Structures are given as structure tokens and as C-alpha cells.
Amino acid sequence: MLVPVDMVVNAMIVAMAAHVNHPNSGIIYHGTSSASNPVKLHQIVDWSVEYFAKHLYISKDRSIKARDFKLLTSETSFQKYIAIHYQLPLKVYLILNRFFKLKSLLSRKLEN
């Protein structure tokens, strides 16, 4: 079952605000959807296809680009996807950022 992300974020904000003065209260919040109106995975896929068919991506040269999406079927495939597409590029960026900051600092020290 799915919980809309805005509801999750709102619940997190409320929980943080409620415990700002007592961060180690030990209270655990659990936010879930109910079984009264479940959403099936095939419905999400159908809705996604319908949405992207209605809202085509048109590039600057006015050509239509297809929007592919990847359905990750396990926690392991999700972790691999995140590691390759987000964590690795972020780590490379951080390393390069530190390198160029250090290089700039050293060049300023050499100039003085």
C-alpha cells in the first residue's frame, strides 16, 4: 500500500515540532495507509503511463522524448539503483569539490 509523500513529510514535521524540546523521548510514530482503499501496483503503472501520455516531454528542438521509468522490484535492486545513480555521483562531486577547494587554497597561499 502507498502513502502520499506529502502526508509522510507532514507527519515528520509534526513529530519533529512535537519533540523539539525532548528529542530523546523514545516515542515512535508509524504512518501507514489502511486496507480500506488499497492501491495496486498495476494501477500505479497504469496511472503513470496515462499521465506521461498526456504530459509529453518536448525538448528544445520540439522533438518528443519518451519518458522511461524503471520499476524496481526488490529492496536490493532499489539500493543498487540509488548507489549507482545518486550516491556514486554525489561522492565523486564531493571529492572533486574538496580537491578544487584545496587547490584554490594552496594557490592563494603560494601567491602570498
PDB file of N, CA and C in Angstrom:
ATOM      1  N   MET A   1       0.836  -1.172   0.000  1.00  0.00           N
ATOM      2  CA  MET A   1       0.000   0.000   0.000  1.00  0.00           C
ATOM      3  C   MET A   1       0.884   1.238   0.000  1.00  0.00           C
ATOM      4  N   LEU A   2       0.337   2.332  -0.480  1.00  0.00           N
ATOM      5  CA  LEU A   2       1.100   3.564  -0.626  1.00  0.00           C
ATOM      6  C   LEU A   2       0.588   4.649   0.301  1.00  0.00           C
ATOM      7  N   VAL A   3       1.499   5.501   0.701  1.00  0.00           N
ATOM      8  CA  VAL A   3       1.157   6.698   1.463  1.00  0.00           C
ATOM      9  C   VAL A   3       1.710   7.872   0.673  1.00  0.00           C
ATOM     10  N   PRO A   4       0.869   8.858   0.346  1.00  0.00           N
ATOM     11  CA  PRO A   4       1.374  10.019  -0.411  1.00  0.00           C
ATOM     12  C   PRO A   4       2.518  10.698   0.341  1.00  0.00           C
ATOM     13  N   VAL A   5       3.531  11.092  -0.399  1.00  0.00           N
ATOM     14  CA  VAL A   5       4.745  11.641   0.197  1.00  0.00           C
ATOM     15  C   VAL A   5       4.463  12.903   0.995  1.00  0.00           C
ATOM     16  N   ASP A   6       3.505  13.719   0.568  1.00  0.00           N
ATOM     17  CA  ASP A   6       3.221  14.934   1.326  1.00  0.00           C
ATOM     18  C   ASP A   6       2.662  14.609   2.711  1.00  0.00           C
ATOM     19  N   MET A   7       1.922  13.518   2.827  1.00  0.00           N
ATOM     20  CA  MET A   7       1.411  13.118   4.129  1.00  0.00           C
ATOM     21  C   MET A   7       2.542  12.627   5.032  1.00  0.00           C
ATOM     22  N   VAL A   8       3.482  11.910   4.449  1.00  0.00           N
ATOM     23  CA  VAL A   8       4.638  11.429   5.214  1.00  0.00           C
ATOM     24  C   VAL A   8       5.465  12.610   5.719  1.00  0.00           C
ATOM     25  N   VAL A   9       5.741  13.559   4.835  1.00  0.00           N
ATOM     26  CA  VAL A   9       6.539  14.723   5.221  1.00  0.00           C
ATOM     27  C   VAL A   9       5.810  15.542   6.278  1.00  0.00           C
ATOM     28  N   ASN A  10       4.515  15.743   6.108  1.00  0.00           N
ATOM     29  CA  ASN A  10       3.751  16.488   7.109  1.00  0.00           C
ATOM     30  C   ASN A  10       3.815  15.801   8.471  1.00  0.00           C
ATOM     31  N   ALA A  11       3.678  14.488   8.489  1.00  0.00           N
ATOM     32  CA  ALA A  11       3.752  13.743   9.756  1.00  0.00           C
ATOM     33  C   ALA A  11       5.137  13.886  10.389  1.00  0.00           C
ATOM     34  N   MET A  12       6.188  13.870   9.569  1.00  0.00           N
ATOM     35  CA  MET A  12       7.550  14.030  10.092  1.00  0.00           C
ATOM     36  C   MET A  12       7.738  15.421  10.704  1.00  0.00           C
ATOM     37  N   ILE A  13       7.209  16.438  10.039  1.00  0.00           N
ATOM     38  CA  ILE A  13       7.340  17.804  10.545  1.00  0.00           C
ATOM     39  C   ILE A  13       6.604  17.951  11.873  1.00  0.00           C
ATOM     40  N   VAL A  14       5.396  17.402  11.950  1.00  0.00           N
ATOM     41  CA  VAL A  14       4.626  17.469  13.192  1.00  0.00           C
ATOM     42  C   VAL A  14       5.356  16.736  14.317  1.00  0.00           C
ATOM     43  N   ALA A  15       5.903  15.562  14.020  1.00  0.00           N
ATOM     44  CA  ALA A  15       6.631  14.798  15.043  1.00  0.00           C
ATOM     45  C   ALA A  15       7.862  15.571  15.516  1.00  0.00           C
ATOM     46  N   MET A  16       8.584  16.193  14.593  1.00  0.00           N
ATOM     47  CA  MET A  16       9.766  16.972  14.993  1.00  0.00           C
ATOM     48  C   MET A  16       9.365  18.158  15.855  1.00  0.00           C
ATOM     49  N   ALA A  17       8.309  18.842  15.453  1.00  0.00           N
ATOM     50  CA  ALA A  17       7.858  20.010  16.220  1.00  0.00           C
ATOM     51  C   ALA A  17       7.380  19.596  17.613  1.00  0.00           C
ATOM     52  N   ALA A  18       6.722  18.459  17.689  1.00  0.00           N
ATOM     53  CA  ALA A  18       6.200  17.987  18.978  1.00  0.00           C
ATOM     54  C   ALA A  18       7.318  17.610  19.935  1.00  0.00           C
ATOM     55  N   HIS A  19       8.477  17.260  19.426  1.00  0.00           N
ATOM     56  CA  HIS A  19       9.563  16.769  20.277  1.00  0.00           C
ATOM     57  C   HIS A  19      10.820  17.624  20.205  1.00  0.00           C
ATOM     58  N   VAL A  20      10.666  18.869  19.778  1.00  0.00           N
ATOM     59  CA  VAL A  20      11.838  19.727  19.622  1.00  0.00           C
ATOM     60  C   VAL A  20      12.572  19.925  20.956  1.00  0.00           C
ATOM     61  N   ASN A  21      11.830  19.966  22.052  1.00  0.00           N
ATOM     62  CA  ASN A  21      12.459  20.159  23.364  1.00  0.00           C
ATOM     63  C   ASN A  21      12.784  18.841  24.065  1.00  0.00           C
ATOM     64  N   HIS A  22      12.332  17.728  23.494  1.00  0.00           N
ATOM     65  CA  HIS A  22      12.580  16.407  24.085  1.00  0.00           C
ATOM     66  C   HIS A  22      12.955  15.422  22.972  1.00  0.00           C
ATOM     67  N   PRO A  23      14.119  15.606  22.370  1.00  0.00           N
ATOM     68  CA  PRO A  23      14.477  14.779  21.202  1.00  0.00           C
ATOM     69  C   PRO A  23      14.656  13.294  21.510  1.00  0.00           C
ATOM     70  N   ASN A  24      14.926  12.942  22.719  1.00  0.00           N
ATOM     71  CA  ASN A  24      15.154  11.539  23.069  1.00  0.00           C
ATOM     72  C   ASN A  24      14.002  10.960  23.872  1.00  0.00           C
ATOM     73  N   SER A  25      12.776  11.310  23.487  1.00  0.00           N
ATOM     74  CA  SER A  25      11.601  10.873  24.248  1.00  0.00           C
ATOM     75  C   SER A  25      11.307   9.387  24.076  1.00  0.00           C
ATOM     76  N   GLY A  26      11.830   8.774  23.022  1.00  0.00           N
ATOM     77  CA  GLY A  26      11.596   7.345  22.795  1.00  0.00           C
ATOM     78  C   GLY A  26      10.275   7.036  22.115  1.00  0.00           C
ATOM     79  N   ILE A  27       9.523   8.053  21.758  1.00  0.00           N
ATOM     80  CA  ILE A  27       8.242   7.829  21.086  1.00  0.00           C
ATOM     81  C   ILE A  27       8.505   7.502  19.620  1.00  0.00           C
ATOM     82  N   ILE A  28       7.824   6.488  19.130  1.00  0.00           N
ATOM     83  CA  ILE A  28       7.944   6.070  17.731  1.00  0.00           C
ATOM     84  C   ILE A  28       6.610   6.299  17.045  1.00  0.00           C
ATOM     85  N   TYR A  29       6.656   6.941  15.898  1.00  0.00           N
ATOM     86  CA  TYR A  29       5.451   7.170  15.104  1.00  0.00           C
ATOM     87  C   TYR A  29       5.454   6.200  13.938  1.00  0.00           C
ATOM     88  N   HIS A  30       4.278   5.714  13.601  1.00  0.00           N
ATOM     89  CA  HIS A  30       4.145   4.773  12.497  1.00  0.00           C
ATOM     90  C   HIS A  30       3.003   5.265  11.614  1.00  0.00           C
ATOM     91  N   GLY A  31       3.341   5.706  10.415  1.00  0.00           N
ATOM     92  CA  GLY A  31       2.318   6.216   9.498  1.00  0.00           C
ATOM     93  C   GLY A  31       2.161   5.275   8.322  1.00  0.00           C
ATOM     94  N   THR A  32       0.961   4.767   8.141  1.00  0.00           N
ATOM     95  CA  THR A  32       0.702   3.836   7.044  1.00  0.00           C
ATOM     96  C   THR A  32      -0.631   4.142   6.395  1.00  0.00           C
ATOM     97  N   SER A  33      -0.876   3.480   5.298  1.00  0.00           N
ATOM     98  CA  SER A  33      -2.195   3.553   4.688  1.00  0.00           C
ATOM     99  C   SER A  33      -3.062   2.462   5.301  1.00  0.00           C
ATOM    100  N   SER A  34      -4.311   2.472   4.949  1.00  0.00           N
ATOM    101  CA  SER A  34      -5.202   1.447   5.501  1.00  0.00           C
ATOM    102  C   SER A  34      -5.612   0.469   4.410  1.00  0.00           C
ATOM    103  N   ALA A  35      -6.235  -0.602   4.817  1.00  0.00           N
ATOM    104  CA  ALA A  35      -6.699  -1.613   3.863  1.00  0.00           C
ATOM    105  C   ALA A  35      -8.052  -1.248   3.272  1.00  0.00           C
ATOM    106  N   SER A  36      -8.645  -0.140   3.707  1.00  0.00           N
ATOM    107  CA  SER A  36      -9.992   0.203   3.230  1.00  0.00           C
ATOM    108  C   SER A  36     -10.015   0.686   1.782  1.00  0.00           C
ATOM    109  N   ASN A  37      -8.912   1.231   1.299  1.00  0.00           N
ATOM    110  CA  ASN A  37      -8.867   1.713  -0.082  1.00  0.00           C
ATOM    111  C   ASN A  37      -7.488   1.438  -0.664  1.00  0.00           C
ATOM    112  N   PRO A  38      -7.139   0.164  -0.843  1.00  0.00           N
ATOM    113  CA  PRO A  38      -5.777  -0.157  -1.292  1.00  0.00           C
ATOM    114  C   PRO A  38      -5.540   0.216  -2.756  1.00  0.00           C
ATOM    115  N   VAL A  39      -4.288   0.543  -3.053  1.00  0.00           N
ATOM    116  CA  VAL A  39      -3.865   0.822  -4.421  1.00  0.00           C
ATOM    117  C   VAL A  39      -2.960  -0.319  -4.852  1.00  0.00           C
ATOM    118  N   LYS A  40      -3.244  -0.886  -5.988  1.00  0.00           N
ATOM    119  CA  LYS A  40      -2.452  -2.000  -6.513  1.00  0.00           C
ATOM    120  C   LYS A  40      -1.329  -1.448  -7.390  1.00  0.00           C
ATOM    121  N   LEU A  41      -0.235  -2.196  -7.477  1.00  0.00           N
ATOM    122  CA  LEU A  41       0.920  -1.762  -8.256  1.00  0.00           C
ATOM    123  C   LEU A  41       0.553  -1.530  -9.717  1.00  0.00           C
ATOM    124  N   HIS A  42      -0.279  -2.392 -10.286  1.00  0.00           N
ATOM    125  CA  HIS A  42      -0.640  -2.218 -11.698  1.00  0.00           C
ATOM    126  C   HIS A  42      -1.416  -0.918 -11.914  1.00  0.00           C
ATOM    127  N   GLN A  43      -2.156  -0.449 -10.884  1.00  0.00           N
ATOM    128  CA  GLN A  43      -2.861   0.825 -11.001  1.00  0.00           C
ATOM    129  C   GLN A  43      -1.869   1.981 -11.078  1.00  0.00           C
ATOM    130  N   ILE A  44      -0.816   1.902 -10.285  1.00  0.00           N
ATOM    131  CA  ILE A  44       0.194   2.957 -10.314  1.00  0.00           C
ATOM    132  C   ILE A  44       0.876   3.004 -11.672  1.00  0.00           C
ATOM    133  N   VAL A  45       1.201   1.835 -12.206  1.00  0.00           N
ATOM    134  CA  VAL A  45       1.814   1.773 -13.536  1.00  0.00           C
ATOM    135  C   VAL A  45       0.857   2.350 -14.572  1.00  0.00           C
ATOM    136  N   ASP A  46      -0.412   1.949 -14.529  1.00  0.00           N
ATOM    137  CA  ASP A  46      -1.406   2.463 -15.479  1.00  0.00           C
ATOM    138  C   ASP A  46      -1.549   3.979 -15.370  1.00  0.00           C
ATOM    139  N   TRP A  47      -1.631   4.482 -14.140  1.00  0.00           N
ATOM    140  CA  TRP A  47      -1.758   5.931 -13.941  1.00  0.00           C
ATOM    141  C   TRP A  47      -0.530   6.659 -14.433  1.00  0.00           C
ATOM    142  N   SER A  48       0.642   6.077 -14.217  1.00  0.00           N
ATOM    143  CA  SER A  48       1.879   6.701 -14.673  1.00  0.00           C
ATOM    144  C   SER A  48       1.926   6.785 -16.190  1.00  0.00           C
ATOM    145  N   VAL A  49       1.587   5.701 -16.847  1.00  0.00           N
ATOM    146  CA  VAL A  49       1.574   5.685 -18.317  1.00  0.00           C
ATOM    147  C   VAL A  49       0.566   6.704 -18.834  1.00  0.00           C
ATOM    148  N   GLU A  50      -0.609   6.754 -18.225  1.00  0.00           N
ATOM    149  CA  GLU A  50      -1.645   7.704 -18.629  1.00  0.00           C
ATOM    150  C   GLU A  50      -1.166   9.147 -18.450  1.00  0.00           C
ATOM    151  N   TYR A  51      -0.538   9.427 -17.306  1.00  0.00           N
ATOM    152  CA  TYR A  51      -0.043  10.779 -17.043  1.00  0.00           C
ATOM    153  C   TYR A  51       0.994  11.192 -18.081  1.00  0.00           C
ATOM    154  N   PHE A  52       1.994  10.335 -18.304  1.00  0.00           N
ATOM    155  CA  PHE A  52       3.071  10.711 -19.220  1.00  0.00           C
ATOM    156  C   PHE A  52       2.619  10.723 -20.667  1.00  0.00           C
ATOM    157  N   ALA A  53       1.550  10.006 -20.997  1.00  0.00           N
ATOM    158  CA  ALA A  53       0.990  10.107 -22.345  1.00  0.00           C
ATOM    159  C   ALA A  53       0.330  11.473 -22.539  1.00  0.00           C
ATOM    160  N   LYS A  54      -0.283  11.994 -21.484  1.00  0.00           N
ATOM    161  CA  LYS A  54      -0.929  13.305 -21.555  1.00  0.00           C
ATOM    162  C   LYS A  54       0.067  14.453 -21.442  1.00  0.00           C
ATOM    163  N   HIS A  55       1.168  14.246 -20.731  1.00  0.00           N
ATOM    164  CA  HIS A  55       2.147  15.300 -20.474  1.00  0.00           C
ATOM    165  C   HIS A  55       3.480  14.907 -21.093  1.00  0.00           C
ATOM    166  N   LEU A  56       3.518  14.922 -22.409  1.00  0.00           N
ATOM    167  CA  LEU A  56       4.730  14.531 -23.117  1.00  0.00           C
ATOM    168  C   LEU A  56       5.851  15.524 -22.859  1.00  0.00           C
ATOM    169  N   TYR A  57       7.064  15.019 -22.841  1.00  0.00           N
ATOM    170  CA  TYR A  57       8.237  15.868 -22.708  1.00  0.00           C
ATOM    171  C   TYR A  57       8.666  16.289 -24.105  1.00  0.00           C
ATOM    172  N   ILE A  58       8.651  17.583 -24.362  1.00  0.00           N
ATOM    173  CA  ILE A  58       9.065  18.108 -25.662  1.00  0.00           C
ATOM    174  C   ILE A  58      10.362  18.878 -25.447  1.00  0.00           C
ATOM    175  N   SER A  59      11.399  18.471 -26.162  1.00  0.00           N
ATOM    176  CA  SER A  59      12.713  19.086 -25.980  1.00  0.00           C
ATOM    177  C   SER A  59      12.766  20.449 -26.665  1.00  0.00           C
ATOM    178  N   LYS A  60      13.893  21.143 -26.496  1.00  0.00           N
ATOM    179  CA  LYS A  60      14.049  22.481 -27.077  1.00  0.00           C
ATOM    180  C   LYS A  60      13.930  22.481 -28.595  1.00  0.00           C
ATOM    181  N   ASP A  61      14.333  21.374 -29.224  1.00  0.00           N
ATOM    182  CA  ASP A  61      14.222  21.296 -30.686  1.00  0.00           C
ATOM    183  C   ASP A  61      12.829  20.827 -31.122  1.00  0.00           C
ATOM    184  N   ARG A  62      11.893  20.801 -30.175  1.00  0.00           N
ATOM    185  CA  ARG A  62      10.478  20.475 -30.386  1.00  0.00           C
ATOM    186  C   ARG A  62      10.249  18.998 -30.715  1.00  0.00           C
ATOM    187  N   SER A  63      11.233  18.144 -30.464  1.00  0.00           N
ATOM    188  CA  SER A  63      11.020  16.715 -30.669  1.00  0.00           C
ATOM    189  C   SER A  63      10.470  16.109 -29.386  1.00  0.00           C
ATOM    190  N   ILE A  64       9.656  15.097 -29.531  1.00  0.00           N
ATOM    191  CA  ILE A  64       9.041  14.442 -28.382  1.00  0.00           C
ATOM    192  C   ILE A  64       9.986  13.370 -27.864  1.00  0.00           C
ATOM    193  N   LYS A  65      10.231  13.425 -26.584  1.00  0.00           N
ATOM    194  CA  LYS A  65      11.094  12.443 -25.949  1.00  0.00           C
ATOM    195  C   LYS A  65      10.242  11.538 -25.074  1.00  0.00           C
ATOM    196  N   ALA A  66      10.493  10.264 -25.165  1.00  0.00           N
ATOM    197  CA  ALA A  66       9.782   9.313 -24.308  1.00  0.00           C
ATOM    198  C   ALA A  66      10.378   9.354 -22.918  1.00  0.00           C
ATOM    199  N   ARG A  67       9.532   9.261 -21.943  1.00  0.00           N
ATOM    200  CA  ARG A  67       9.997   9.215 -20.560  1.00  0.00           C
ATOM    201  C   ARG A  67       9.948   7.778 -20.089  1.00  0.00           C
ATOM    202  N   ASP A  68      11.089   7.195 -19.960  1.00  0.00           N
ATOM    203  CA  ASP A  68      11.159   5.827 -19.455  1.00  0.00           C
ATOM    204  C   ASP A  68      11.168   5.860 -17.932  1.00  0.00           C
ATOM    205  N   PHE A  69      10.642   4.835 -17.353  1.00  0.00           N
ATOM    206  CA  PHE A  69      10.781   4.691 -15.920  1.00  0.00           C
ATOM    207  C   PHE A  69      11.144   3.259 -15.616  1.00  0.00           C
ATOM    208  N   LYS A  70      11.825   3.099 -14.534  1.00  0.00           N
ATOM    209  CA  LYS A  70      12.297   1.774 -14.150  1.00  0.00           C
ATOM    210  C   LYS A  70      11.525   1.343 -12.921  1.00  0.00           C
ATOM    211  N   LEU A  71      10.918   0.186 -13.014  1.00  0.00           N
ATOM    212  CA  LEU A  71      10.194  -0.383 -11.885  1.00  0.00           C
ATOM    213  C   LEU A  71      11.150  -1.295 -11.144  1.00  0.00           C
ATOM    214  N   LEU A  72      11.499  -0.896  -9.944  1.00  0.00           N
ATOM    215  CA  LEU A  72      12.426  -1.671  -9.126  1.00  0.00           C
ATOM    216  C   LEU A  72      11.613  -2.662  -8.302  1.00  0.00           C
ATOM    217  N   THR A  73      11.969  -3.924  -8.389  1.00  0.00           N
ATOM    218  CA  THR A  73      11.122  -4.979  -7.830  1.00  0.00           C
ATOM    219  C   THR A  73      11.578  -5.521  -6.483  1.00  0.00           C
ATOM    220  N   SER A  74      12.713  -5.022  -5.987  1.00  0.00           N
ATOM    221  CA  SER A  74      13.184  -5.521  -4.693  1.00  0.00           C
ATOM    222  C   SER A  74      13.984  -4.436  -3.991  1.00  0.00           C
ATOM    223  N   GLU A  75      14.172  -4.625  -2.710  1.00  0.00           N
ATOM    224  CA  GLU A  75      14.983  -3.694  -1.924  1.00  0.00           C
ATOM    225  C   GLU A  75      16.416  -3.663  -2.456  1.00  0.00           C
ATOM    226  N   THR A  76      16.928  -4.826  -2.853  1.00  0.00           N
ATOM    227  CA  THR A  76      18.292  -4.904  -3.376  1.00  0.00           C
ATOM    228  C   THR A  76      18.431  -4.119  -4.672  1.00  0.00           C
ATOM    229  N   SER A  77      17.467  -4.263  -5.587  1.00  0.00           N
ATOM    230  CA  SER A  77      17.549  -3.523  -6.848  1.00  0.00           C
ATOM    231  C   SER A  77      17.424  -2.023  -6.596  1.00  0.00           C
ATOM    232  N   PHE A  78      16.604  -1.629  -5.615  1.00  0.00           N
ATOM    233  CA  PHE A  78      16.480  -0.218  -5.252  1.00  0.00           C
ATOM    234  C   PHE A  78      17.801   0.317  -4.713  1.00  0.00           C
ATOM    235  N   GLN A  79      18.427  -0.434  -3.802  1.00  0.00           N
ATOM    236  CA  GLN A  79      19.698   0.000  -3.220  1.00  0.00           C
ATOM    237  C   GLN A  79      20.779   0.140  -4.287  1.00  0.00           C
ATOM    238  N   LYS A  80      20.842  -0.812  -5.217  1.00  0.00           N
ATOM    239  CA  LYS A  80      21.823  -0.739  -6.306  1.00  0.00           C
ATOM    240  C   LYS A  80      21.564   0.480  -7.185  1.00  0.00           C
ATOM    241  N   TYR A  81      20.306   0.720  -7.520  1.00  0.00           N
ATOM    242  CA  TYR A  81      19.939   1.854  -8.368  1.00  0.00           C
ATOM    243  C   TYR A  81      20.343   3.171  -7.711  1.00  0.00           C
ATOM    244  N   ILE A  82      20.013   3.313  -6.430  1.00  0.00           N
ATOM    245  CA  ILE A  82      20.350   4.532  -5.695  1.00  0.00           C
ATOM    246  C   ILE A  82      21.863   4.702  -5.608  1.00  0.00           C
ATOM    247  N   ALA A  83      22.578   3.623  -5.326  1.00  0.00           N
ATOM    248  CA  ALA A  83      24.036   3.696  -5.211  1.00  0.00           C
ATOM    249  C   ALA A  83      24.672   4.154  -6.518  1.00  0.00           C
ATOM    250  N   ILE A  84      24.243   3.588  -7.620  1.00  0.00           N
ATOM    251  CA  ILE A  84      24.849   3.903  -8.918  1.00  0.00           C
ATOM    252  C   ILE A  84      24.444   5.280  -9.426  1.00  0.00           C
ATOM    253  N   HIS A  85      23.163   5.607  -9.318  1.00  0.00           N
ATOM    254  CA  HIS A  85      22.657   6.835  -9.927  1.00  0.00           C
ATOM    255  C   HIS A  85      22.714   8.069  -9.034  1.00  0.00           C
ATOM    256  N   TYR A  86      22.824   7.900  -7.737  1.00  0.00           N
ATOM    257  CA  TYR A  86      22.806   9.052  -6.843  1.00  0.00           C
ATOM    258  C   TYR A  86      24.012   9.112  -5.913  1.00  0.00           C
ATOM    259  N   GLN A  87      24.289   8.027  -5.182  1.00  0.00           N
ATOM    260  CA  GLN A  87      25.365   8.070  -4.202  1.00  0.00           C
ATOM    261  C   GLN A  87      26.734   8.189  -4.855  1.00  0.00           C
ATOM    262  N   LEU A  88      27.009   7.407  -5.878  1.00  0.00           N
ATOM    263  CA  LEU A  88      28.306   7.470  -6.548  1.00  0.00           C
ATOM    264  C   LEU A  88      28.566   8.843  -7.167  1.00  0.00           C
ATOM    265  N   PRO A  89      27.633   9.398  -7.952  1.00  0.00           N
ATOM    266  CA  PRO A  89      27.889  10.749  -8.483  1.00  0.00           C
ATOM    267  C   PRO A  89      28.073  11.795  -7.383  1.00  0.00           C
ATOM    268  N   LEU A  90      27.323  11.668  -6.285  1.00  0.00           N
ATOM    269  CA  LEU A  90      27.476  12.621  -5.184  1.00  0.00           C
ATOM    270  C   LEU A  90      28.851  12.497  -4.553  1.00  0.00           C
ATOM    271  N   LYS A  91      29.334  11.273  -4.364  1.00  0.00           N
ATOM    272  CA  LYS A  91      30.671  11.082  -3.784  1.00  0.00           C
ATOM    273  C   LYS A  91      31.745  11.644  -4.705  1.00  0.00           C
ATOM    274  N   VAL A  92      31.604  11.438  -6.006  1.00  0.00           N
ATOM    275  CA  VAL A  92      32.567  11.992  -6.967  1.00  0.00           C
ATOM    276  C   VAL A  92      32.541  13.513  -6.895  1.00  0.00           C
ATOM    277  N   TYR A  93      31.341  14.091  -6.845  1.00  0.00           N
ATOM    278  CA  TYR A  93      31.210  15.543  -6.737  1.00  0.00           C
ATOM    279  C   TYR A  93      31.899  16.060  -5.475  1.00  0.00           C
ATOM    280  N   LEU A  94      31.667  15.407  -4.331  1.00  0.00           N
ATOM    281  CA  LEU A  94      32.266  15.850  -3.079  1.00  0.00           C
ATOM    282  C   LEU A  94      33.790  15.779  -3.128  1.00  0.00           C
ATOM    283  N   ILE A  95      34.321  14.715  -3.711  1.00  0.00           N
ATOM    284  CA  ILE A  95      35.774  14.576  -3.841  1.00  0.00           C
ATOM    285  C   ILE A  95      36.335  15.680  -4.720  1.00  0.00           C
ATOM    286  N   LEU A  96      35.684  15.922  -5.865  1.00  0.00           N
ATOM    287  CA  LEU A  96      36.153  16.982  -6.767  1.00  0.00           C
ATOM    288  C   LEU A  96      36.033  18.355  -6.120  1.00  0.00           C
ATOM    289  N   ASN A  97      34.952  18.563  -5.390  1.00  0.00           N
ATOM    290  CA  ASN A  97      34.755  19.842  -4.710  1.00  0.00           C
ATOM    291  C   ASN A  97      35.862  20.087  -3.685  1.00  0.00           C
ATOM    292  N   ARG A  98      36.185  19.075  -2.897  1.00  0.00           N
ATOM    293  CA  ARG A  98      37.272  19.211  -1.916  1.00  0.00           C
ATOM    294  C   ARG A  98      38.607  19.457  -2.609  1.00  0.00           C
ATOM    295  N   PHE A  99      38.832  18.739  -3.710  1.00  0.00           N
ATOM    296  CA  PHE A  99      40.076  18.896  -4.456  1.00  0.00           C
ATOM    297  C   PHE A  99      40.232  20.334  -4.951  1.00  0.00           C
ATOM    298  N   PHE A 100      39.183  20.892  -5.565  1.00  0.00           N
ATOM    299  CA  PHE A 100      39.292  22.235  -6.114  1.00  0.00           C
ATOM    300  C   PHE A 100      39.353  23.298  -5.019  1.00  0.00           C
ATOM    301  N   LYS A 101      38.701  23.059  -3.883  1.00  0.00           N
ATOM    302  CA  LYS A 101      38.840  23.991  -2.763  1.00  0.00           C
ATOM    303  C   LYS A 101      40.275  23.976  -2.238  1.00  0.00           C
ATOM    304  N   LEU A 102      40.849  22.781  -2.106  1.00  0.00           N
ATOM    305  CA  LEU A 102      42.225  22.655  -1.644  1.00  0.00           C
ATOM    306  C   LEU A 102      43.182  23.290  -2.639  1.00  0.00           C
ATOM    307  N   LYS A 103      42.953  23.058  -3.917  1.00  0.00           N
ATOM    308  CA  LYS A 103      43.800  23.634  -4.956  1.00  0.00           C
ATOM    309  C   LYS A 103      43.730  25.160  -4.912  1.00  0.00           C
ATOM    310  N   SER A 104      42.546  25.699  -4.720  1.00  0.00           N
ATOM    311  CA  SER A 104      42.393  27.159  -4.635  1.00  0.00           C
ATOM    312  C   SER A 104      43.099  27.706  -3.400  1.00  0.00           C
ATOM    313  N   LEU A 105      42.948  27.024  -2.279  1.00  0.00           N
ATOM    314  CA  LEU A 105      43.601  27.438  -1.030  1.00  0.00           C
ATOM    315  C   LEU A 105      45.122  27.423  -1.197  1.00  0.00           C
ATOM    316  N   LEU A 106      45.655  26.370  -1.795  1.00  0.00           N
ATOM    317  CA  LEU A 106      47.104  26.272  -1.992  1.00  0.00           C
ATOM    318  C   LEU A 106      47.610  27.354  -2.933  1.00  0.00           C
ATOM    319  N   SER A 107      46.888  27.645  -3.978  1.00  0.00           N
ATOM    320  CA  SER A 107      47.340  28.670  -4.917  1.00  0.00           C
ATOM    321  C   SER A 107      47.324  30.053  -4.266  1.00  0.00           C
ATOM    322  N   ARG A 108      46.330  30.314  -3.380  1.00  0.00           N
ATOM    323  CA  ARG A 108      46.302  31.578  -2.657  1.00  0.00           C
ATOM    324  C   ARG A 108      47.483  31.693  -1.690  1.00  0.00           C
ATOM    325  N   LYS A 109      47.823  30.584  -1.032  1.00  0.00           N
ATOM    326  CA  LYS A 109      48.951  30.593  -0.099  1.00  0.00           C
ATOM    327  C   LYS A 109      50.267  30.800  -0.854  1.00  0.00           C
ATOM    328  N   LEU A 110      50.385  30.200  -2.034  1.00  0.00           N
ATOM    329  CA  LEU A 110      51.611  30.371  -2.830  1.00  0.00           C
ATOM    330  C   LEU A 110      51.755  31.785  -3.345  1.00  0.00           C
ATOM    331  N   GLU A 111      50.629  32.453  -3.598  1.00  0.00           N
ATOM    332  CA  GLU A 111      50.678  33.831  -4.080  1.00  0.00           C
ATOM    333  C   GLU A 111      51.129  34.776  -2.985  1.00  0.00           C
ATOM    334  N   ASN A 112      50.862  34.428  -1.748  1.00  0.00           N
ATOM    335  CA  ASN A 112      51.230  35.314  -0.607  1.00  0.00           C
ATOM    336  C   ASN A 112      52.614  35.052  -0.198  1.00  0.00           C
TER     337      ASN A 112
END
